Amino acid sequence: MPRSVNHVASRARRKKILKLTRGYFGKRRNVWTVAKNTWEKGQQYAYRDRKQKKRNFRSLWITRINAGVRQYDMSYSVFMGKLHGKGIELNRKSLADLAMNNPQAFKAIVDLVKK
């Protein structure tokens, strides 16, 4: 009895990956083994970078807060310590946004913390 192979399903699997690799350079787009490896590695990077994105934004917010606070002769760590000591519950994202886009409100917070 001849061997039965489901060509329809295997071709569909390959086409699905090759469709996802459209726009890649050279053999990465149309050679099955290379495209498959490239796509899988890209998925690993995507997973890793979803985590790193959160770290990068937190770092950016801290840098912006530090730059805003330095204008008032204070360091970031001292500012955050006093902020929590006063019981002001503002997160870094909103503090960074105030420092960038609303300097008057940020100055009011710094003055409140300095007292």
PDB file of N, CA and C in Angstrom:
ATOM      1  N   MET A   1       0.858  -1.183   0.000  1.00  0.00           N
ATOM      2  CA  MET A   1       0.000   0.000   0.000  1.00  0.00           C
ATOM      3  C   MET A   1       0.894   1.232   0.000  1.00  0.00           C
ATOM      4  N   PRO A   2       0.597   2.203  -0.867  1.00  0.00           N
ATOM      5  CA  PRO A   2       1.443   3.400  -0.922  1.00  0.00           C
ATOM      6  C   PRO A   2       1.284   4.253   0.338  1.00  0.00           C
ATOM      7  N   ARG A   3       2.340   4.987   0.616  1.00  0.00           N
ATOM      8  CA  ARG A   3       2.351   5.860   1.788  1.00  0.00           C
ATOM      9  C   ARG A   3       1.453   7.068   1.538  1.00  0.00           C
ATOM     10  N   SER A   4       0.630   7.417   2.498  1.00  0.00           N
ATOM     11  CA  SER A   4      -0.288   8.543   2.361  1.00  0.00           C
ATOM     12  C   SER A   4       0.309   9.757   3.073  1.00  0.00           C
ATOM     13  N   VAL A   5       0.500  10.813   2.317  1.00  0.00           N
ATOM     14  CA  VAL A   5       1.086  12.033   2.869  1.00  0.00           C
ATOM     15  C   VAL A   5       0.100  13.174   2.634  1.00  0.00           C
ATOM     16  N   ASN A   6      -0.130  13.962   3.654  1.00  0.00           N
ATOM     17  CA  ASN A   6      -1.087  15.062   3.530  1.00  0.00           C
ATOM     18  C   ASN A   6      -0.362  16.304   3.017  1.00  0.00           C
ATOM     19  N   HIS A   7      -0.196  16.379   1.714  1.00  0.00           N
ATOM     20  CA  HIS A   7       0.519  17.515   1.121  1.00  0.00           C
ATOM     21  C   HIS A   7      -0.222  18.837   1.330  1.00  0.00           C
ATOM     22  N   VAL A   8      -1.532  18.749   1.363  1.00  0.00           N
ATOM     23  CA  VAL A   8      -2.324  19.978   1.511  1.00  0.00           C
ATOM     24  C   VAL A   8      -2.000  20.661   2.838  1.00  0.00           C
ATOM     25  N   ALA A   9      -1.967  19.889   3.911  1.00  0.00           N
ATOM     26  CA  ALA A   9      -1.714  20.471   5.234  1.00  0.00           C
ATOM     27  C   ALA A   9      -0.285  20.961   5.358  1.00  0.00           C
ATOM     28  N   SER A  10       0.683  20.176   4.863  1.00  0.00           N
ATOM     29  CA  SER A  10       2.081  20.597   5.007  1.00  0.00           C
ATOM     30  C   SER A  10       2.374  21.832   4.155  1.00  0.00           C
ATOM     31  N   ARG A  11       1.777  21.896   2.972  1.00  0.00           N
ATOM     32  CA  ARG A  11       1.967  23.085   2.127  1.00  0.00           C
ATOM     33  C   ARG A  11       1.325  24.307   2.788  1.00  0.00           C
ATOM     34  N   ALA A  12       0.160  24.102   3.401  1.00  0.00           N
ATOM     35  CA  ALA A  12      -0.523  25.211   4.076  1.00  0.00           C
ATOM     36  C   ALA A  12       0.313  25.726   5.242  1.00  0.00           C
ATOM     37  N   ARG A  13       0.950  24.808   5.988  1.00  0.00           N
ATOM     38  CA  ARG A  13       1.817  25.217   7.104  1.00  0.00           C
ATOM     39  C   ARG A  13       2.968  26.070   6.597  1.00  0.00           C
ATOM     40  N   ARG A  14       3.588  25.605   5.507  1.00  0.00           N
ATOM     41  CA  ARG A  14       4.723  26.364   4.951  1.00  0.00           C
ATOM     42  C   ARG A  14       4.284  27.725   4.428  1.00  0.00           C
ATOM     43  N   LYS A  15       3.155  27.751   3.739  1.00  0.00           N
ATOM     44  CA  LYS A  15       2.668  29.020   3.187  1.00  0.00           C
ATOM     45  C   LYS A  15       2.358  30.025   4.287  1.00  0.00           C
ATOM     46  N   LYS A  16       1.865  29.502   5.415  1.00  0.00           N
ATOM     47  CA  LYS A  16       1.539  30.396   6.538  1.00  0.00           C
ATOM     48  C   LYS A  16       2.797  31.101   7.042  1.00  0.00           C
ATOM     49  N   ILE A  17       3.891  30.356   7.206  1.00  0.00           N
ATOM     50  CA  ILE A  17       5.153  30.951   7.666  1.00  0.00           C
ATOM     51  C   ILE A  17       5.723  31.875   6.598  1.00  0.00           C
ATOM     52  N   LEU A  18       5.693  31.440   5.332  1.00  0.00           N
ATOM     53  CA  LEU A  18       6.247  32.268   4.259  1.00  0.00           C
ATOM     54  C   LEU A  18       5.463  33.573   4.096  1.00  0.00           C
ATOM     55  N   LYS A  19       4.175  33.523   4.384  1.00  0.00           N
ATOM     56  CA  LYS A  19       3.382  34.750   4.339  1.00  0.00           C
ATOM     57  C   LYS A  19       3.818  35.707   5.450  1.00  0.00           C
ATOM     58  N   LEU A  20       4.168  35.147   6.621  1.00  0.00           N
ATOM     59  CA  LEU A  20       4.602  35.981   7.743  1.00  0.00           C
ATOM     60  C   LEU A  20       5.989  36.583   7.520  1.00  0.00           C
ATOM     61  N   THR A  21       6.782  35.980   6.637  1.00  0.00           N
ATOM     62  CA  THR A  21       8.143  36.482   6.409  1.00  0.00           C
ATOM     63  C   THR A  21       8.233  37.377   5.174  1.00  0.00           C
ATOM     64  N   ARG A  22       7.103  37.782   4.627  1.00  0.00           N
ATOM     65  CA  ARG A  22       7.138  38.731   3.506  1.00  0.00           C
ATOM     66  C   ARG A  22       7.813  40.013   3.961  1.00  0.00           C
ATOM     67  N   GLY A  23       8.667  40.571   3.145  1.00  0.00           N
ATOM     68  CA  GLY A  23       9.347  41.808   3.512  1.00  0.00           C
ATOM     69  C   GLY A  23      10.724  41.574   4.106  1.00  0.00           C
ATOM     70  N   TYR A  24      11.058  40.331   4.433  1.00  0.00           N
ATOM     71  CA  TYR A  24      12.408  40.035   4.902  1.00  0.00           C
ATOM     72  C   TYR A  24      13.358  40.083   3.717  1.00  0.00           C
ATOM     73  N   PHE A  25      14.656  40.165   3.982  1.00  0.00           N
ATOM     74  CA  PHE A  25      15.652  40.340   2.930  1.00  0.00           C
ATOM     75  C   PHE A  25      16.172  38.997   2.434  1.00  0.00           C
ATOM     76  N   GLY A  26      16.275  38.861   1.110  1.00  0.00           N
ATOM     77  CA  GLY A  26      16.938  37.711   0.499  1.00  0.00           C
ATOM     78  C   GLY A  26      16.237  36.393   0.791  1.00  0.00           C
ATOM     79  N   LYS A  27      17.037  35.368   1.107  1.00  0.00           N
ATOM     80  CA  LYS A  27      16.504  34.027   1.324  1.00  0.00           C
ATOM     81  C   LYS A  27      15.618  33.944   2.553  1.00  0.00           C
ATOM     82  N   ARG A  28      15.715  34.916   3.427  1.00  0.00           N
ATOM     83  CA  ARG A  28      14.899  34.907   4.635  1.00  0.00           C
ATOM     84  C   ARG A  28      13.406  34.974   4.310  1.00  0.00           C
ATOM     85  N   ARG A  29      13.077  35.397   3.101  1.00  0.00           N
ATOM     86  CA  ARG A  29      11.670  35.552   2.753  1.00  0.00           C
ATOM     87  C   ARG A  29      11.103  34.341   2.031  1.00  0.00           C
ATOM     88  N   ASN A  30      11.936  33.591   1.266  1.00  0.00           N
ATOM     89  CA  ASN A  30      11.337  32.585   0.394  1.00  0.00           C
ATOM     90  C   ASN A  30      11.941  31.185   0.483  1.00  0.00           C
ATOM     91  N   VAL A  31      13.018  30.996   1.216  1.00  0.00           N
ATOM     92  CA  VAL A  31      13.553  29.653   1.419  1.00  0.00           C
ATOM     93  C   VAL A  31      12.990  29.138   2.733  1.00  0.00           C
ATOM     94  N   TRP A  32      12.301  28.005   2.670  1.00  0.00           N
ATOM     95  CA  TRP A  32      11.510  27.521   3.800  1.00  0.00           C
ATOM     96  C   TRP A  32      12.310  27.426   5.089  1.00  0.00           C
ATOM     97  N   THR A  33      13.458  26.739   5.078  1.00  0.00           N
ATOM     98  CA  THR A  33      14.185  26.511   6.330  1.00  0.00           C
ATOM     99  C   THR A  33      14.724  27.821   6.908  1.00  0.00           C
ATOM    100  N   VAL A  34      15.237  28.675   6.035  1.00  0.00           N
ATOM    101  CA  VAL A  34      15.782  29.953   6.502  1.00  0.00           C
ATOM    102  C   VAL A  34      14.654  30.844   7.026  1.00  0.00           C
ATOM    103  N   ALA A  35      13.554  30.890   6.286  1.00  0.00           N
ATOM    104  CA  ALA A  35      12.416  31.722   6.693  1.00  0.00           C
ATOM    105  C   ALA A  35      11.846  31.257   8.026  1.00  0.00           C
ATOM    106  N   LYS A  36      11.745  29.954   8.203  1.00  0.00           N
ATOM    107  CA  LYS A  36      11.196  29.396   9.444  1.00  0.00           C
ATOM    108  C   LYS A  36      12.081  29.757  10.630  1.00  0.00           C
ATOM    109  N   ASN A  37      13.397  29.583  10.472  1.00  0.00           N
ATOM    110  CA  ASN A  37      14.327  29.916  11.555  1.00  0.00           C
ATOM    111  C   ASN A  37      14.296  31.408  11.878  1.00  0.00           C
ATOM    112  N   THR A  38      14.251  32.226  10.837  1.00  0.00           N
ATOM    113  CA  THR A  38      14.211  33.673  11.026  1.00  0.00           C
ATOM    114  C   THR A  38      12.944  34.098  11.752  1.00  0.00           C
ATOM    115  N   TRP A  39      11.820  33.533  11.341  1.00  0.00           N
ATOM    116  CA  TRP A  39      10.548  33.894  11.966  1.00  0.00           C
ATOM    117  C   TRP A  39      10.519  33.466  13.430  1.00  0.00           C
ATOM    118  N   GLU A  40      11.019  32.253  13.715  1.00  0.00           N
ATOM    119  CA  GLU A  40      11.036  31.779  15.103  1.00  0.00           C
ATOM    120  C   GLU A  40      11.924  32.662  15.976  1.00  0.00           C
ATOM    121  N   LYS A  41      13.080  33.056  15.452  1.00  0.00           N
ATOM    122  CA  LYS A  41      13.977  33.927  16.212  1.00  0.00           C
ATOM    123  C   LYS A  41      13.303  35.283  16.450  1.00  0.00           C
ATOM    124  N   GLY A  42      12.580  35.762  15.447  1.00  0.00           N
ATOM    125  CA  GLY A  42      11.853  37.022  15.606  1.00  0.00           C
ATOM    126  C   GLY A  42      10.808  36.949  16.697  1.00  0.00           C
ATOM    127  N   GLN A  43      10.151  35.795  16.826  1.00  0.00           N
ATOM    128  CA  GLN A  43       9.174  35.613  17.895  1.00  0.00           C
ATOM    129  C   GLN A  43       9.845  35.649  19.257  1.00  0.00           C
ATOM    130  N   GLN A  44      11.065  35.089  19.351  1.00  0.00           N
ATOM    131  CA  GLN A  44      11.807  35.128  20.614  1.00  0.00           C
ATOM    132  C   GLN A  44      12.161  36.565  20.976  1.00  0.00           C
ATOM    133  N   TYR A  45      12.606  37.335  19.992  1.00  0.00           N
ATOM    134  CA  TYR A  45      12.935  38.737  20.237  1.00  0.00           C
ATOM    135  C   TYR A  45      11.693  39.514  20.665  1.00  0.00           C
ATOM    136  N   ALA A  46      10.566  39.230  20.026  1.00  0.00           N
ATOM    137  CA  ALA A  46       9.330  39.936  20.352  1.00  0.00           C
ATOM    138  C   ALA A  46       8.921  39.675  21.797  1.00  0.00           C
ATOM    139  N   TYR A  47       9.041  38.418  22.227  1.00  0.00           N
ATOM    140  CA  TYR A  47       8.694  38.070  23.607  1.00  0.00           C
ATOM    141  C   TYR A  47       9.618  38.785  24.581  1.00  0.00           C
ATOM    142  N   ARG A  48      10.920  38.727  24.301  1.00  0.00           N
ATOM    143  CA  ARG A  48      11.909  39.352  25.187  1.00  0.00           C
ATOM    144  C   ARG A  48      11.689  40.859  25.262  1.00  0.00           C
ATOM    145  N   ASP A  49      11.442  41.471  24.106  1.00  0.00           N
ATOM    146  CA  ASP A  49      11.377  42.928  24.062  1.00  0.00           C
ATOM    147  C   ASP A  49      10.079  43.484  24.627  1.00  0.00           C
ATOM    148  N   ARG A  50       9.041  42.659  24.726  1.00  0.00           N
ATOM    149  CA  ARG A  50       7.841  43.127  25.424  1.00  0.00           C
ATOM    150  C   ARG A  50       8.158  43.365  26.898  1.00  0.00           C
ATOM    151  N   LYS A  51       9.068  42.571  27.440  1.00  0.00           N
ATOM    152  CA  LYS A  51       9.496  42.766  28.830  1.00  0.00           C
ATOM    153  C   LYS A  51      10.455  43.960  28.926  1.00  0.00           C
ATOM    154  N   GLN A  52      11.382  44.055  27.968  1.00  0.00           N
ATOM    155  CA  GLN A  52      12.377  45.128  28.019  1.00  0.00           C
ATOM    156  C   GLN A  52      11.750  46.499  27.809  1.00  0.00           C
ATOM    157  N   LYS A  53      10.655  46.549  27.057  1.00  0.00           N
ATOM    158  CA  LYS A  53       9.980  47.815  26.809  1.00  0.00           C
ATOM    159  C   LYS A  53       9.561  48.474  28.128  1.00  0.00           C
ATOM    160  N   LYS A  54       9.084  47.669  29.061  1.00  0.00           N
ATOM    161  CA  LYS A  54       8.655  48.195  30.358  1.00  0.00           C
ATOM    162  C   LYS A  54       9.845  48.770  31.124  1.00  0.00           C
ATOM    163  N   ARG A  55      10.996  48.055  31.060  1.00  0.00           N
ATOM    164  CA  ARG A  55      12.204  48.547  31.730  1.00  0.00           C
ATOM    165  C   ARG A  55      12.679  49.854  31.105  1.00  0.00           C
ATOM    166  N   ASN A  56      12.647  49.905  29.772  1.00  0.00           N
ATOM    167  CA  ASN A  56      13.130  51.096  29.068  1.00  0.00           C
ATOM    168  C   ASN A  56      12.294  52.318  29.399  1.00  0.00           C
ATOM    169  N   PHE A  57      10.978  52.151  29.471  1.00  0.00           N
ATOM    170  CA  PHE A  57      10.122  53.288  29.787  1.00  0.00           C
ATOM    171  C   PHE A  57      10.335  53.763  31.221  1.00  0.00           C
ATOM    172  N   ARG A  58      10.474  52.824  32.151  1.00  0.00           N
ATOM    173  CA  ARG A  58      10.729  53.226  33.536  1.00  0.00           C
ATOM    174  C   ARG A  58      12.028  54.014  33.629  1.00  0.00           C
ATOM    175  N   SER A  59      13.055  53.564  32.922  1.00  0.00           N
ATOM    176  CA  SER A  59      14.339  54.254  32.902  1.00  0.00           C
ATOM    177  C   SER A  59      14.201  55.660  32.316  1.00  0.00           C
ATOM    178  N   LEU A  60      13.418  55.775  31.246  1.00  0.00           N
ATOM    179  CA  LEU A  60      13.184  57.079  30.629  1.00  0.00           C
ATOM    180  C   LEU A  60      12.469  58.020  31.592  1.00  0.00           C
ATOM    181  N   TRP A  61      11.456  57.504  32.290  1.00  0.00           N
ATOM    182  CA  TRP A  61      10.722  58.338  33.254  1.00  0.00           C
ATOM    183  C   TRP A  61      11.637  58.812  34.370  1.00  0.00           C
ATOM    184  N   ILE A  62      12.490  57.926  34.865  1.00  0.00           N
ATOM    185  CA  ILE A  62      13.411  58.299  35.943  1.00  0.00           C
ATOM    186  C   ILE A  62      14.369  59.383  35.466  1.00  0.00           C
ATOM    187  N   THR A  63      14.862  59.260  34.234  1.00  0.00           N
ATOM    188  CA  THR A  63      15.768  60.267  33.675  1.00  0.00           C
ATOM    189  C   THR A  63      15.083  61.616  33.568  1.00  0.00           C
ATOM    190  N   ARG A  64      13.833  61.621  33.117  1.00  0.00           N
ATOM    191  CA  ARG A  64      13.092  62.883  32.965  1.00  0.00           C
ATOM    192  C   ARG A  64      12.792  63.525  34.314  1.00  0.00           C
ATOM    193  N   ILE A  65      12.426  62.711  35.297  1.00  0.00           N
ATOM    194  CA  ILE A  65      12.163  63.253  36.634  1.00  0.00           C
ATOM    195  C   ILE A  65      13.449  63.831  37.211  1.00  0.00           C
ATOM    196  N   ASN A  66      14.546  63.118  37.058  1.00  0.00           N
ATOM    197  CA  ASN A  66      15.835  63.571  37.561  1.00  0.00           C
ATOM    198  C   ASN A  66      16.227  64.900  36.924  1.00  0.00           C
ATOM    199  N   ALA A  67      16.038  65.014  35.608  1.00  0.00           N
ATOM    200  CA  ALA A  67      16.365  66.264  34.918  1.00  0.00           C
ATOM    201  C   ALA A  67      15.480  67.403  35.418  1.00  0.00           C
ATOM    202  N   GLY A  68      14.203  67.113  35.657  1.00  0.00           N
ATOM    203  CA  GLY A  68      13.296  68.149  36.149  1.00  0.00           C
ATOM    204  C   GLY A  68      13.624  68.585  37.562  1.00  0.00           C
ATOM    205  N   VAL A  69      14.022  67.643  38.403  1.00  0.00           N
ATOM    206  CA  VAL A  69      14.283  67.937  39.813  1.00  0.00           C
ATOM    207  C   VAL A  69      15.625  68.642  39.984  1.00  0.00           C
ATOM    208  N   ARG A  70      16.584  68.358  39.129  1.00  0.00           N
ATOM    209  CA  ARG A  70      17.914  68.979  39.222  1.00  0.00           C
ATOM    210  C   ARG A  70      17.838  70.496  39.084  1.00  0.00           C
ATOM    211  N   GLN A  71      16.827  71.001  38.393  1.00  0.00           N
ATOM    212  CA  GLN A  71      16.660  72.453  38.252  1.00  0.00           C
ATOM    213  C   GLN A  71      16.396  73.115  39.606  1.00  0.00           C
ATOM    214  N   TYR A  72      15.887  72.332  40.540  1.00  0.00           N
ATOM    215  CA  TYR A  72      15.557  72.869  41.860  1.00  0.00           C
ATOM    216  C   TYR A  72      16.528  72.363  42.926  1.00  0.00           C
ATOM    217  N   ASP A  73      17.761  72.059  42.530  1.00  0.00           N
ATOM    218  CA  ASP A  73      18.851  71.670  43.443  1.00  0.00           C
ATOM    219  C   ASP A  73      18.488  70.468  44.315  1.00  0.00           C
ATOM    220  N   MET A  74      18.012  69.417  43.662  1.00  0.00           N
ATOM    221  CA  MET A  74      17.650  68.198  44.373  1.00  0.00           C
ATOM    222  C   MET A  74      17.984  67.019  43.471  1.00  0.00           C
ATOM    223  N   SER A  75      18.312  65.893  44.067  1.00  0.00           N
ATOM    224  CA  SER A  75      18.570  64.703  43.250  1.00  0.00           C
ATOM    225  C   SER A  75      17.301  63.859  43.169  1.00  0.00           C
ATOM    226  N   TYR A  76      17.303  62.951  42.236  1.00  0.00           N
ATOM    227  CA  TYR A  76      16.132  62.090  42.038  1.00  0.00           C
ATOM    228  C   TYR A  76      15.837  61.266  43.282  1.00  0.00           C
ATOM    229  N   SER A  77      16.882  60.671  43.851  1.00  0.00           N
ATOM    230  CA  SER A  77      16.659  59.766  44.982  1.00  0.00           C
ATOM    231  C   SER A  77      16.135  60.523  46.207  1.00  0.00           C
ATOM    232  N   VAL A  78      16.677  61.719  46.437  1.00  0.00           N
ATOM    233  CA  VAL A  78      16.197  62.533  47.562  1.00  0.00           C
ATOM    234  C   VAL A  78      14.742  62.938  47.322  1.00  0.00           C
ATOM    235  N   PHE A  79      14.450  63.339  46.091  1.00  0.00           N
ATOM    236  CA  PHE A  79      13.093  63.758  45.739  1.00  0.00           C
ATOM    237  C   PHE A  79      12.090  62.627  45.954  1.00  0.00           C
ATOM    238  N   MET A  80      12.422  61.435  45.452  1.00  0.00           N
ATOM    239  CA  MET A  80      11.498  60.312  45.589  1.00  0.00           C
ATOM    240  C   MET A  80      11.339  59.895  47.048  1.00  0.00           C
ATOM    241  N   GLY A  81      12.425  59.956  47.810  1.00  0.00           N
ATOM    242  CA  GLY A  81      12.334  59.629  49.232  1.00  0.00           C
ATOM    243  C   GLY A  81      11.425  60.580  49.970  1.00  0.00           C
ATOM    244  N   LYS A  82      11.584  61.883  49.717  1.00  0.00           N
ATOM    245  CA  LYS A  82      10.734  62.881  50.377  1.00  0.00           C
ATOM    246  C   LYS A  82       9.292  62.797  49.892  1.00  0.00           C
ATOM    247  N   LEU A  83       9.122  62.470  48.607  1.00  0.00           N
ATOM    248  CA  LEU A  83       7.783  62.345  48.029  1.00  0.00           C
ATOM    249  C   LEU A  83       7.003  61.236  48.744  1.00  0.00           C
ATOM    250  N   HIS A  84       7.659  60.088  48.933  1.00  0.00           N
ATOM    251  CA  HIS A  84       6.992  58.994  49.629  1.00  0.00           C
ATOM    252  C   HIS A  84       6.840  59.301  51.115  1.00  0.00           C
ATOM    253  N   GLY A  85       7.780  60.044  51.665  1.00  0.00           N
ATOM    254  CA  GLY A  85       7.682  60.436  53.069  1.00  0.00           C
ATOM    255  C   GLY A  85       6.490  61.335  53.334  1.00  0.00           C
ATOM    256  N   LYS A  86       6.176  62.207  52.378  1.00  0.00           N
ATOM    257  CA  LYS A  86       5.011  63.094  52.498  1.00  0.00           C
ATOM    258  C   LYS A  86       3.700  62.373  52.201  1.00  0.00           C
ATOM    259  N   GLY A  87       3.797  61.161  51.657  1.00  0.00           N
ATOM    260  CA  GLY A  87       2.583  60.398  51.352  1.00  0.00           C
ATOM    261  C   GLY A  87       1.946  60.771  50.029  1.00  0.00           C
ATOM    262  N   ILE A  88       2.719  61.372  49.142  1.00  0.00           N
ATOM    263  CA  ILE A  88       2.202  61.734  47.815  1.00  0.00           C
ATOM    264  C   ILE A  88       2.345  60.511  46.915  1.00  0.00           C
ATOM    265  N   GLU A  89       1.225  60.005  46.439  1.00  0.00           N
ATOM    266  CA  GLU A  89       1.230  58.776  45.647  1.00  0.00           C
ATOM    267  C   GLU A  89       1.085  59.096  44.164  1.00  0.00           C
ATOM    268  N   LEU A  90       2.134  59.626  43.565  1.00  0.00           N
ATOM    269  CA  LEU A  90       2.166  59.850  42.120  1.00  0.00           C
ATOM    270  C   LEU A  90       3.180  58.883  41.528  1.00  0.00           C
ATOM    271  N   ASN A  91       2.800  58.212  40.440  1.00  0.00           N
ATOM    272  CA  ASN A  91       3.737  57.278  39.845  1.00  0.00           C
ATOM    273  C   ASN A  91       4.739  58.008  38.948  1.00  0.00           C
ATOM    274  N   ARG A  92       5.784  57.300  38.563  1.00  0.00           N
ATOM    275  CA  ARG A  92       6.871  57.902  37.787  1.00  0.00           C
ATOM    276  C   ARG A  92       6.406  58.380  36.416  1.00  0.00           C
ATOM    277  N   LYS A  93       5.467  57.651  35.831  1.00  0.00           N
ATOM    278  CA  LYS A  93       4.964  58.033  34.509  1.00  0.00           C
ATOM    279  C   LYS A  93       4.312  59.411  34.549  1.00  0.00           C
ATOM    280  N   SER A  94       3.454  59.639  35.530  1.00  0.00           N
ATOM    281  CA  SER A  94       2.769  60.926  35.613  1.00  0.00           C
ATOM    282  C   SER A  94       3.723  62.034  36.045  1.00  0.00           C
ATOM    283  N   LEU A  95       4.679  61.718  36.924  1.00  0.00           N
ATOM    284  CA  LEU A  95       5.665  62.726  37.325  1.00  0.00           C
ATOM    285  C   LEU A  95       6.522  63.152  36.137  1.00  0.00           C
ATOM    286  N   ALA A  96       6.935  62.189  35.320  1.00  0.00           N
ATOM    287  CA  ALA A  96       7.744  62.504  34.138  1.00  0.00           C
ATOM    288  C   ALA A  96       6.947  63.348  33.152  1.00  0.00           C
ATOM    289  N   ASP A  97       5.662  63.037  33.002  1.00  0.00           N
ATOM    290  CA  ASP A  97       4.811  63.811  32.106  1.00  0.00           C
ATOM    291  C   ASP A  97       4.661  65.244  32.603  1.00  0.00           C
ATOM    292  N   LEU A  98       4.500  65.414  33.914  1.00  0.00           N
ATOM    293  CA  LEU A  98       4.412  66.765  34.477  1.00  0.00           C
ATOM    294  C   LEU A  98       5.723  67.519  34.284  1.00  0.00           C
ATOM    295  N   ALA A  99       6.834  66.848  34.509  1.00  0.00           N
ATOM    296  CA  ALA A  99       8.140  67.505  34.364  1.00  0.00           C
ATOM    297  C   ALA A  99       8.364  67.986  32.936  1.00  0.00           C
ATOM    298  N   MET A 100       7.883  67.218  31.973  1.00  0.00           N
ATOM    299  CA  MET A 100       8.081  67.574  30.559  1.00  0.00           C
ATOM    300  C   MET A 100       7.078  68.623  30.082  1.00  0.00           C
ATOM    301  N   ASN A 101       5.803  68.388  30.371  1.00  0.00           N
ATOM    302  CA  ASN A 101       4.739  69.156  29.716  1.00  0.00           C
ATOM    303  C   ASN A 101       4.076  70.213  30.586  1.00  0.00           C
ATOM    304  N   ASN A 102       4.273  70.141  31.901  1.00  0.00           N
ATOM    305  CA  ASN A 102       3.623  71.108  32.779  1.00  0.00           C
ATOM    306  C   ASN A 102       4.591  71.491  33.903  1.00  0.00           C
ATOM    307  N   PRO A 103       5.597  72.305  33.586  1.00  0.00           N
ATOM    308  CA  PRO A 103       6.625  72.627  34.582  1.00  0.00           C
ATOM    309  C   PRO A 103       6.092  73.341  35.826  1.00  0.00           C
ATOM    310  N   GLN A 104       5.010  74.118  35.683  1.00  0.00           N
ATOM    311  CA  GLN A 104       4.473  74.829  36.843  1.00  0.00           C
ATOM    312  C   GLN A 104       3.909  73.839  37.878  1.00  0.00           C
ATOM    313  N   ALA A 105       3.182  72.852  37.408  1.00  0.00           N
ATOM    314  CA  ALA A 105       2.623  71.848  38.311  1.00  0.00           C
ATOM    315  C   ALA A 105       3.742  71.028  38.946  1.00  0.00           C
ATOM    316  N   PHE A 106       4.771  70.713  38.163  1.00  0.00           N
ATOM    317  CA  PHE A 106       5.897  69.953  38.701  1.00  0.00           C
ATOM    318  C   PHE A 106       6.625  70.765  39.761  1.00  0.00           C
ATOM    319  N   LYS A 107       6.771  72.074  39.514  1.00  0.00           N
ATOM    320  CA  LYS A 107       7.423  72.950  40.495  1.00  0.00           C
ATOM    321  C   LYS A 107       6.617  72.990  41.790  1.00  0.00           C
ATOM    322  N   ALA A 108       5.287  72.991  41.667  1.00  0.00           N
ATOM    323  CA  ALA A 108       4.430  72.983  42.856  1.00  0.00           C
ATOM    324  C   ALA A 108       4.647  71.709  43.672  1.00  0.00           C
ATOM    325  N   ILE A 109       4.811  70.603  43.014  1.00  0.00           N
ATOM    326  CA  ILE A 109       5.066  69.340  43.720  1.00  0.00           C
ATOM    327  C   ILE A 109       6.421  69.370  44.401  1.00  0.00           C
ATOM    328  N   VAL A 110       7.418  69.913  43.683  1.00  0.00           N
ATOM    329  CA  VAL A 110       8.768  70.000  44.269  1.00  0.00           C
ATOM    330  C   VAL A 110       8.759  70.923  45.493  1.00  0.00           C
ATOM    331  N   ASP A 111       8.053  72.043  45.401  1.00  0.00           N
ATOM    332  CA  ASP A 111       7.949  72.965  46.540  1.00  0.00           C
ATOM    333  C   ASP A 111       7.243  72.311  47.723  1.00  0.00           C
ATOM    334  N   LEU A 112       6.208  71.525  47.421  1.00  0.00           N
ATOM    335  CA  LEU A 112       5.495  70.818  48.479  1.00  0.00           C
ATOM    336  C   LEU A 112       6.390  69.809  49.187  1.00  0.00           C
ATOM    337  N   VAL A 113       7.250  69.169  48.408  1.00  0.00           N
ATOM    338  CA  VAL A 113       8.157  68.165  48.964  1.00  0.00           C
ATOM    339  C   VAL A 113       9.279  68.831  49.770  1.00  0.00           C
ATOM    340  N   LYS A 114       9.726  70.019  49.340  1.00  0.00           N
ATOM    341  CA  LYS A 114      10.842  70.701  49.992  1.00  0.00           C
ATOM    342  C   LYS A 114      10.478  71.220  51.369  1.00  0.00           C
ATOM    343  N   LYS A 115       9.204  71.491  51.623  1.00  0.00           N
ATOM    344  CA  LYS A 115       8.794  72.061  52.921  1.00  0.00           C
ATOM    345  C   LYS A 115       9.103  71.129  54.062  1.00  0.00           C
TER     346      LYS A 115
END
